[in-house]
PDB file of all heavy atoms in Angstrom:
ATOM      1  N   HIS A   1       0.782  -1.232   0.000  1.00  0.00           N
ATOM      2  CA  HIS A   1       0.000   0.000   0.000  1.00  0.00           C
ATOM      3  C   HIS A   1       0.817   1.287   0.000  1.00  0.00           C
ATOM      4  O   HIS A   1       0.247   2.365  -0.197  1.00  0.00           O
ATOM      5  CB  HIS A   1      -1.020  -0.002   1.146  1.00  0.00           C
ATOM      6  CG  HIS A   1      -0.446   0.156   2.510  1.00  0.00           C
ATOM      7  ND1 HIS A   1      -1.156   0.705   3.552  1.00  0.00           N
ATOM      8  CD2 HIS A   1       0.764  -0.183   3.046  1.00  0.00           C
ATOM      9  CE1 HIS A   1      -0.430   0.712   4.644  1.00  0.00           C
ATOM     10  NE2 HIS A   1       0.737   0.179   4.373  1.00  0.00           N
ATOM     11  N   HIS A   2       2.130   1.211   0.181  1.00  0.00           N
ATOM     12  CA  HIS A   2       2.967   2.418   0.068  1.00  0.00           C
ATOM     13  C   HIS A   2       3.508   2.632  -1.349  1.00  0.00           C
ATOM     14  O   HIS A   2       3.957   3.738  -1.664  1.00  0.00           O
ATOM     15  CB  HIS A   2       4.151   2.350   1.033  1.00  0.00           C
ATOM     16  CG  HIS A   2       3.778   2.418   2.475  1.00  0.00           C
ATOM     17  ND1 HIS A   2       2.988   3.415   3.004  1.00  0.00           N
ATOM     18  CD2 HIS A   2       4.077   1.593   3.509  1.00  0.00           C
ATOM     19  CE1 HIS A   2       2.817   3.207   4.297  1.00  0.00           C
ATOM     20  NE2 HIS A   2       3.455   2.107   4.630  1.00  0.00           N
ATOM     21  N   ALA A   3       3.518   1.599  -2.170  1.00  0.00           N
ATOM     22  CA  ALA A   3       4.107   1.714  -3.508  1.00  0.00           C
ATOM     23  C   ALA A   3       3.296   2.671  -4.370  1.00  0.00           C
ATOM     24  O   ALA A   3       2.068   2.554  -4.467  1.00  0.00           O
ATOM     25  CB  ALA A   3       4.180   0.345  -4.163  1.00  0.00           C
ATOM     26  N   ILE A   4       3.964   3.610  -4.983  1.00  0.00           N
ATOM     27  CA  ILE A   4       3.303   4.537  -5.896  1.00  0.00           C
ATOM     28  C   ILE A   4       3.593   4.120  -7.330  1.00  0.00           C
ATOM     29  O   ILE A   4       4.273   3.126  -7.583  1.00  0.00           O
ATOM     30  CB  ILE A   4       3.712   5.995  -5.614  1.00  0.00           C
ATOM     31  CG1 ILE A   4       5.213   6.181  -5.767  1.00  0.00           C
ATOM     32  CG2 ILE A   4       3.275   6.401  -4.211  1.00  0.00           C
ATOM     33  CD1 ILE A   4       5.661   7.630  -5.573  1.00  0.00           C
ATOM     34  N   ASN A   5       3.105   4.882  -8.297  1.00  0.00           N
ATOM     35  CA  ASN A   5       3.134   4.383  -9.676  1.00  0.00           C
ATOM     36  C   ASN A   5       4.537   4.198 -10.225  1.00  0.00           C
ATOM     37  O   ASN A   5       4.770   3.337 -11.076  1.00  0.00           O
ATOM     38  CB  ASN A   5       2.333   5.309 -10.586  1.00  0.00           C
ATOM     39  CG  ASN A   5       2.999   6.665 -10.772  1.00  0.00           C
ATOM     40  OD1 ASN A   5       3.611   7.201  -9.852  1.00  0.00           O
ATOM     41  ND2 ASN A   5       2.870   7.220 -11.961  1.00  0.00           N
ATOM     42  N   ASN A   6       5.512   4.939  -9.700  1.00  0.00           N
ATOM     43  CA  ASN A   6       6.843   4.856 -10.310  1.00  0.00           C
ATOM     44  C   ASN A   6       7.980   4.617  -9.326  1.00  0.00           C
ATOM     45  O   ASN A   6       9.137   4.810  -9.663  1.00  0.00           O
ATOM     46  CB  ASN A   6       7.126   6.134 -11.115  1.00  0.00           C
ATOM     47  CG  ASN A   6       7.129   7.390 -10.244  1.00  0.00           C
ATOM     48  OD1 ASN A   6       6.877   7.312  -9.039  1.00  0.00           O
ATOM     49  ND2 ASN A   6       7.405   8.529 -10.846  1.00  0.00           N
ATOM     50  N   ARG A   7       7.651   4.155  -8.100  1.00  0.00           N
ATOM     51  CA  ARG A   7       8.727   3.798  -7.185  1.00  0.00           C
ATOM     52  C   ARG A   7       8.223   2.981  -6.008  1.00  0.00           C
ATOM     53  O   ARG A   7       7.057   3.053  -5.626  1.00  0.00           O
ATOM     54  CB  ARG A   7       9.478   5.031  -6.684  1.00  0.00           C
ATOM     55  CG  ARG A   7       8.721   5.970  -5.792  1.00  0.00           C
ATOM     56  CD  ARG A   7       9.595   7.171  -5.430  1.00  0.00           C
ATOM     57  NE  ARG A   7       8.886   8.189  -4.699  1.00  0.00           N
ATOM     58  CZ  ARG A   7       8.859   8.270  -3.369  1.00  0.00           C
ATOM     59  NH1 ARG A   7       9.501   7.385  -2.634  1.00  0.00           N
ATOM     60  NH2 ARG A   7       8.195   9.244  -2.768  1.00  0.00           N
ATOM     61  N   SER A   8       9.163   2.219  -5.450  1.00  0.00           N
ATOM     62  CA  SER A   8       8.887   1.446  -4.248  1.00  0.00           C
ATOM     63  C   SER A   8       8.940   2.367  -3.036  1.00  0.00           C
ATOM     64  O   SER A   8       9.477   3.469  -3.091  1.00  0.00           O
ATOM     65  CB  SER A   8       9.928   0.334  -4.093  1.00  0.00           C
ATOM     66  OG  SER A   8      11.228   0.906  -3.938  1.00  0.00           O
ATOM     67  N   MET A   9       8.387   1.864  -1.932  1.00  0.00           N
ATOM     68  CA  MET A   9       8.391   2.663  -0.714  1.00  0.00           C
ATOM     69  C   MET A   9       7.890   1.806   0.438  1.00  0.00           C
ATOM     70  O   MET A   9       7.003   0.956   0.251  1.00  0.00           O
ATOM     71  CB  MET A   9       7.489   3.893  -0.883  1.00  0.00           C
ATOM     72  CG  MET A   9       7.517   4.874   0.261  1.00  0.00           C
ATOM     73  SD  MET A   9       6.507   6.352  -0.114  1.00  0.00           S
ATOM     74  CE  MET A   9       6.625   7.196   1.462  1.00  0.00           C
ATOM     75  N   GLY A  10       8.458   1.971   1.612  1.00  0.00           N
ATOM     76  CA  GLY A  10       7.913   1.377   2.818  1.00  0.00           C
ATOM     77  C   GLY A  10       7.697  -0.119   2.771  1.00  0.00           C
ATOM     78  O   GLY A  10       6.629  -0.599   3.177  1.00  0.00           O
ATOM     79  N   PHE A  11       8.691  -0.875   2.285  1.00  0.00           N
ATOM     80  CA  PHE A  11       8.669  -2.339   2.193  1.00  0.00           C
ATOM     81  C   PHE A  11       7.850  -2.837   1.008  1.00  0.00           C
ATOM     82  O   PHE A  11       7.702  -4.047   0.821  1.00  0.00           O
ATOM     83  CB  PHE A  11       8.126  -3.015   3.459  1.00  0.00           C
ATOM     84  CG  PHE A  11       8.636  -2.504   4.783  1.00  0.00           C
ATOM     85  CD1 PHE A  11       7.959  -2.811   5.953  1.00  0.00           C
ATOM     86  CD2 PHE A  11       9.799  -1.744   4.870  1.00  0.00           C
ATOM     87  CE1 PHE A  11       8.421  -2.361   7.191  1.00  0.00           C
ATOM     88  CE2 PHE A  11      10.263  -1.282   6.100  1.00  0.00           C
ATOM     89  CZ  PHE A  11       9.573  -1.593   7.257  1.00  0.00           C
ATOM     90  N   CYS A  12       7.269  -1.935   0.211  1.00  0.00           N
ATOM     91  CA  CYS A  12       6.316  -2.299  -0.846  1.00  0.00           C
ATOM     92  C   CYS A  12       6.928  -2.108  -2.235  1.00  0.00           C
ATOM     93  O   CYS A  12       7.598  -1.104  -2.494  1.00  0.00           O
ATOM     94  CB  CYS A  12       5.062  -1.440  -0.732  1.00  0.00           C
ATOM     95  SG  CYS A  12       4.243  -1.539   0.890  1.00  0.00           S
ATOM     96  N   ILE A  13       6.659  -3.055  -3.127  1.00  0.00           N
ATOM     97  CA  ILE A  13       7.185  -2.989  -4.490  1.00  0.00           C
ATOM     98  C   ILE A  13       6.073  -2.646  -5.479  1.00  0.00           C
ATOM     99  O   ILE A  13       6.144  -1.644  -6.193  1.00  0.00           O
ATOM    100  CB  ILE A  13       7.891  -4.306  -4.857  1.00  0.00           C
ATOM    101  CG1 ILE A  13       9.118  -4.502  -3.947  1.00  0.00           C
ATOM    102  CG2 ILE A  13       8.322  -4.294  -6.332  1.00  0.00           C
ATOM    103  CD1 ILE A  13       9.861  -5.794  -4.164  1.00  0.00           C
ATOM    104  N   PHE A  14       5.037  -3.481  -5.566  1.00  0.00           N
ATOM    105  CA  PHE A  14       3.865  -3.177  -6.383  1.00  0.00           C
ATOM    106  C   PHE A  14       2.655  -3.027  -5.454  1.00  0.00           C
ATOM    107  O   PHE A  14       2.529  -3.732  -4.456  1.00  0.00           O
ATOM    108  CB  PHE A  14       3.584  -4.284  -7.407  1.00  0.00           C
ATOM    109  CG  PHE A  14       4.702  -4.504  -8.390  1.00  0.00           C
ATOM    110  CD1 PHE A  14       5.088  -5.785  -8.745  1.00  0.00           C
ATOM    111  CD2 PHE A  14       5.377  -3.432  -8.963  1.00  0.00           C
ATOM    112  CE1 PHE A  14       6.117  -6.002  -9.650  1.00  0.00           C
ATOM    113  CE2 PHE A  14       6.415  -3.625  -9.868  1.00  0.00           C
ATOM    114  CZ  PHE A  14       6.782  -4.919 -10.210  1.00  0.00           C
ATOM    115  N   ASN A  15       1.767  -2.117  -5.804  1.00  0.00           N
ATOM    116  CA  ASN A  15       0.613  -1.845  -4.955  1.00  0.00           C
ATOM    117  C   ASN A  15      -0.488  -2.861  -5.272  1.00  0.00           C
ATOM    118  O   ASN A  15      -1.336  -2.650  -6.136  1.00  0.00           O
ATOM    119  CB  ASN A  15       0.117  -0.412  -5.153  1.00  0.00           C
ATOM    120  CG  ASN A  15      -0.832   0.017  -4.058  1.00  0.00           C
ATOM    121  OD1 ASN A  15      -1.737  -0.723  -3.687  1.00  0.00           O
ATOM    122  ND2 ASN A  15      -0.634   1.216  -3.529  1.00  0.00           N
ATOM    123  N   ASN A  16      -0.466  -3.965  -4.541  1.00  0.00           N
ATOM    124  CA  ASN A  16      -1.352  -5.087  -4.836  1.00  0.00           C
ATOM    125  C   ASN A  16      -2.826  -4.699  -4.816  1.00  0.00           C
ATOM    126  O   ASN A  16      -3.592  -5.081  -5.712  1.00  0.00           O
ATOM    127  CB  ASN A  16      -1.110  -6.203  -3.808  1.00  0.00           C
ATOM    128  CG  ASN A  16       0.340  -6.622  -3.746  1.00  0.00           C
ATOM    129  OD1 ASN A  16       1.004  -6.780  -4.760  1.00  0.00           O
ATOM    130  ND2 ASN A  16       0.854  -6.803  -2.534  1.00  0.00           N
ATOM    131  N   ILE A  17      -3.236  -3.937  -3.826  1.00  0.00           N
ATOM    132  CA  ILE A  17      -4.661  -3.648  -3.694  1.00  0.00           C
ATOM    133  C   ILE A  17      -5.138  -2.636  -4.726  1.00  0.00           C
ATOM    134  O   ILE A  17      -6.285  -2.701  -5.191  1.00  0.00           O
ATOM    135  CB  ILE A  17      -5.003  -3.208  -2.255  1.00  0.00           C
ATOM    136  CG1 ILE A  17      -6.443  -3.591  -1.919  1.00  0.00           C
ATOM    137  CG2 ILE A  17      -4.734  -1.721  -2.026  1.00  0.00           C
ATOM    138  CD1 ILE A  17      -6.737  -3.723  -0.448  1.00  0.00           C
ATOM    139  N   ALA A  18      -4.284  -1.715  -5.123  1.00  0.00           N
ATOM    140  CA  ALA A  18      -4.661  -0.781  -6.181  1.00  0.00           C
ATOM    141  C   ALA A  18      -4.821  -1.508  -7.508  1.00  0.00           C
ATOM    142  O   ALA A  18      -5.749  -1.235  -8.283  1.00  0.00           O
ATOM    143  CB  ALA A  18      -3.613   0.333  -6.305  1.00  0.00           C
ATOM    144  N   ILE A  19      -3.929  -2.446  -7.778  1.00  0.00           N
ATOM    145  CA  ILE A  19      -4.033  -3.268  -8.987  1.00  0.00           C
ATOM    146  C   ILE A  19      -5.327  -4.067  -8.963  1.00  0.00           C
ATOM    147  O   ILE A  19      -6.031  -4.180  -9.974  1.00  0.00           O
ATOM    148  CB  ILE A  19      -2.806  -4.192  -9.108  1.00  0.00           C
ATOM    149  CG1 ILE A  19      -1.543  -3.355  -9.339  1.00  0.00           C
ATOM    150  CG2 ILE A  19      -2.988  -5.217 -10.222  1.00  0.00           C
ATOM    151  CD1 ILE A  19      -0.245  -4.117  -9.140  1.00  0.00           C
ATOM    152  N   ALA A  20      -5.667  -4.618  -7.793  1.00  0.00           N
ATOM    153  CA  ALA A  20      -6.887  -5.407  -7.672  1.00  0.00           C
ATOM    154  C   ALA A  20      -8.134  -4.569  -7.925  1.00  0.00           C
ATOM    155  O   ALA A  20      -9.091  -5.034  -8.562  1.00  0.00           O
ATOM    156  CB  ALA A  20      -6.954  -6.052  -6.291  1.00  0.00           C
ATOM    157  N   ALA A  21      -8.153  -3.341  -7.427  1.00  0.00           N
ATOM    158  CA  ALA A  21      -9.312  -2.479  -7.643  1.00  0.00           C
ATOM    159  C   ALA A  21      -9.536  -2.233  -9.130  1.00  0.00           C
ATOM    160  O   ALA A  21     -10.668  -2.317  -9.637  1.00  0.00           O
ATOM    161  CB  ALA A  21      -9.129  -1.158  -6.902  1.00  0.00           C
ATOM    162  N   ARG A  22      -8.461  -1.934  -9.853  1.00  0.00           N
ATOM    163  CA  ARG A  22      -8.582  -1.709 -11.295  1.00  0.00           C
ATOM    164  C   ARG A  22      -8.970  -2.997 -12.027  1.00  0.00           C
ATOM    165  O   ARG A  22      -9.729  -2.982 -13.002  1.00  0.00           O
ATOM    166  CB  ARG A  22      -7.268  -1.167 -11.846  1.00  0.00           C
ATOM    167  CG  ARG A  22      -6.951   0.245 -11.410  1.00  0.00           C
ATOM    168  CD  ARG A  22      -7.991   1.217 -11.899  1.00  0.00           C
ATOM    169  NE  ARG A  22      -7.653   2.603 -11.587  1.00  0.00           N
ATOM    170  CZ  ARG A  22      -8.535   3.528 -11.244  1.00  0.00           C
ATOM    171  NH1 ARG A  22      -9.816   3.218 -11.137  1.00  0.00           N
ATOM    172  NH2 ARG A  22      -8.152   4.766 -10.993  1.00  0.00           N
ATOM    173  N   HIS A  23      -8.452  -4.129 -11.540  1.00  0.00           N
ATOM    174  CA  HIS A  23      -8.787  -5.426 -12.127  1.00  0.00           C
ATOM    175  C   HIS A  23     -10.287  -5.697 -12.015  1.00  0.00           C
ATOM    176  O   HIS A  23     -10.924  -6.166 -12.970  1.00  0.00           O
ATOM    177  CB  HIS A  23      -7.987  -6.507 -11.394  1.00  0.00           C
ATOM    178  CG  HIS A  23      -8.315  -7.911 -11.802  1.00  0.00           C
ATOM    179  ND1 HIS A  23      -7.812  -8.494 -12.938  1.00  0.00           N
ATOM    180  CD2 HIS A  23      -9.084  -8.865 -11.194  1.00  0.00           C
ATOM    181  CE1 HIS A  23      -8.243  -9.742 -13.030  1.00  0.00           C
ATOM    182  NE2 HIS A  23      -9.024  -9.994 -11.988  1.00  0.00           N
ATOM    183  N   LEU A  24     -10.863  -5.417 -10.864  1.00  0.00           N
ATOM    184  CA  LEU A  24     -12.296  -5.621 -10.679  1.00  0.00           C
ATOM    185  C   LEU A  24     -13.108  -4.754 -11.637  1.00  0.00           C
ATOM    186  O   LEU A  24     -14.155  -5.178 -12.140  1.00  0.00           O
ATOM    187  CB  LEU A  24     -12.681  -5.304  -9.233  1.00  0.00           C
ATOM    188  CG  LEU A  24     -12.228  -6.331  -8.194  1.00  0.00           C
ATOM    189  CD1 LEU A  24     -12.356  -5.753  -6.784  1.00  0.00           C
ATOM    190  CD2 LEU A  24     -13.023  -7.623  -8.315  1.00  0.00           C
ATOM    191  N   GLN A  25     -12.621  -3.565 -11.900  1.00  0.00           N
ATOM    192  CA  GLN A  25     -13.318  -2.683 -12.833  1.00  0.00           C
ATOM    193  C   GLN A  25     -13.133  -3.131 -14.274  1.00  0.00           C
ATOM    194  O   GLN A  25     -14.087  -3.190 -15.049  1.00  0.00           O
ATOM    195  CB  GLN A  25     -12.820  -1.249 -12.657  1.00  0.00           C
ATOM    196  CG  GLN A  25     -13.202  -0.627 -11.323  1.00  0.00           C
ATOM    197  CD  GLN A  25     -12.597   0.744 -11.113  1.00  0.00           C
ATOM    198  OE1 GLN A  25     -11.466   1.004 -11.514  1.00  0.00           O
ATOM    199  NE2 GLN A  25     -13.336   1.636 -10.471  1.00  0.00           N
ATOM    200  N   LYS A  26     -11.894  -3.467 -14.640  1.00  0.00           N
ATOM    201  CA  LYS A  26     -11.583  -3.780 -16.038  1.00  0.00           C
ATOM    202  C   LYS A  26     -12.041  -5.174 -16.454  1.00  0.00           C
ATOM    203  O   LYS A  26     -12.601  -5.349 -17.527  1.00  0.00           O
ATOM    204  CB  LYS A  26     -10.079  -3.630 -16.281  1.00  0.00           C
ATOM    205  CG  LYS A  26      -9.575  -2.201 -16.203  1.00  0.00           C
ATOM    206  CD  LYS A  26      -8.069  -2.137 -16.352  1.00  0.00           C
ATOM    207  CE  LYS A  26      -7.557  -0.701 -16.302  1.00  0.00           C
ATOM    208  NZ  LYS A  26      -7.937   0.071 -17.493  1.00  0.00           N
ATOM    209  N   LYS A  27     -11.817  -6.173 -15.615  1.00  0.00           N
ATOM    210  CA  LYS A  27     -12.154  -7.543 -15.993  1.00  0.00           C
ATOM    211  C   LYS A  27     -13.600  -7.889 -15.695  1.00  0.00           C
ATOM    212  O   LYS A  27     -14.257  -8.578 -16.481  1.00  0.00           O
ATOM    213  CB  LYS A  27     -11.241  -8.541 -15.271  1.00  0.00           C
ATOM    214  CG  LYS A  27     -11.574  -9.993 -15.616  1.00  0.00           C
ATOM    215  CD  LYS A  27     -10.600 -10.993 -15.023  1.00  0.00           C
ATOM    216  CE  LYS A  27     -11.007 -12.415 -15.404  1.00  0.00           C
ATOM    217  NZ  LYS A  27     -10.045 -13.428 -14.898  1.00  0.00           N
ATOM    218  N   HIS A  28     -14.109  -7.415 -14.559  1.00  0.00           N
ATOM    219  CA  HIS A  28     -15.439  -7.830 -14.130  1.00  0.00           C
ATOM    220  C   HIS A  28     -16.506  -6.764 -14.324  1.00  0.00           C
ATOM    221  O   HIS A  28     -17.681  -7.003 -14.020  1.00  0.00           O
ATOM    222  CB  HIS A  28     -15.389  -8.257 -12.662  1.00  0.00           C
ATOM    223  CG  HIS A  28     -14.530  -9.455 -12.420  1.00  0.00           C
ATOM    224  ND1 HIS A  28     -14.888 -10.729 -12.813  1.00  0.00           N
ATOM    225  CD2 HIS A  28     -13.292  -9.579 -11.863  1.00  0.00           C
ATOM    226  CE1 HIS A  28     -13.936 -11.591 -12.479  1.00  0.00           C
ATOM    227  NE2 HIS A  28     -12.950 -10.913 -11.913  1.00  0.00           N
ATOM    228  N   GLY A  29     -16.128  -5.605 -14.812  1.00  0.00           N
ATOM    229  CA  GLY A  29     -17.104  -4.573 -15.119  1.00  0.00           C
ATOM    230  C   GLY A  29     -17.738  -3.928 -13.907  1.00  0.00           C
ATOM    231  O   GLY A  29     -18.787  -3.267 -14.017  1.00  0.00           O
ATOM    232  N   LEU A  30     -17.118  -4.095 -12.738  1.00  0.00           N
ATOM    233  CA  LEU A  30     -17.626  -3.413 -11.555  1.00  0.00           C
ATOM    234  C   LEU A  30     -17.249  -1.941 -11.626  1.00  0.00           C
ATOM    235  O   LEU A  30     -16.253  -1.570 -12.244  1.00  0.00           O
ATOM    236  CB  LEU A  30     -17.056  -4.044 -10.283  1.00  0.00           C
ATOM    237  CG  LEU A  30     -17.342  -5.539 -10.080  1.00  0.00           C
ATOM    238  CD1 LEU A  30     -16.786  -5.995  -8.737  1.00  0.00           C
ATOM    239  CD2 LEU A  30     -18.825  -5.842 -10.180  1.00  0.00           C
ATOM    240  N   ASN A  31     -18.019  -1.129 -10.979  1.00  0.00           N
ATOM    241  CA  ASN A  31     -17.758   0.303 -11.023  1.00  0.00           C
ATOM    242  C   ASN A  31     -17.228   0.818  -9.693  1.00  0.00           C
ATOM    243  O   ASN A  31     -16.092   1.281  -9.597  1.00  0.00           O
ATOM    244  CB  ASN A  31     -19.029   1.059 -11.415  1.00  0.00           C
ATOM    245  CG  ASN A  31     -18.809   2.548 -11.550  1.00  0.00           C
ATOM    246  OD1 ASN A  31     -17.736   2.985 -11.974  1.00  0.00           O
ATOM    247  ND2 ASN A  31     -19.816   3.335 -11.195  1.00  0.00           N
TER     248      ASN A  31
END
């Protein structure tokens, strides 16, 4: 949850939950 779009931060590399939110919108059509 600390990872931003272009750098790591606070033990975090990729922002898993942000990716998941977009995945739910893009793949499953949730809003």
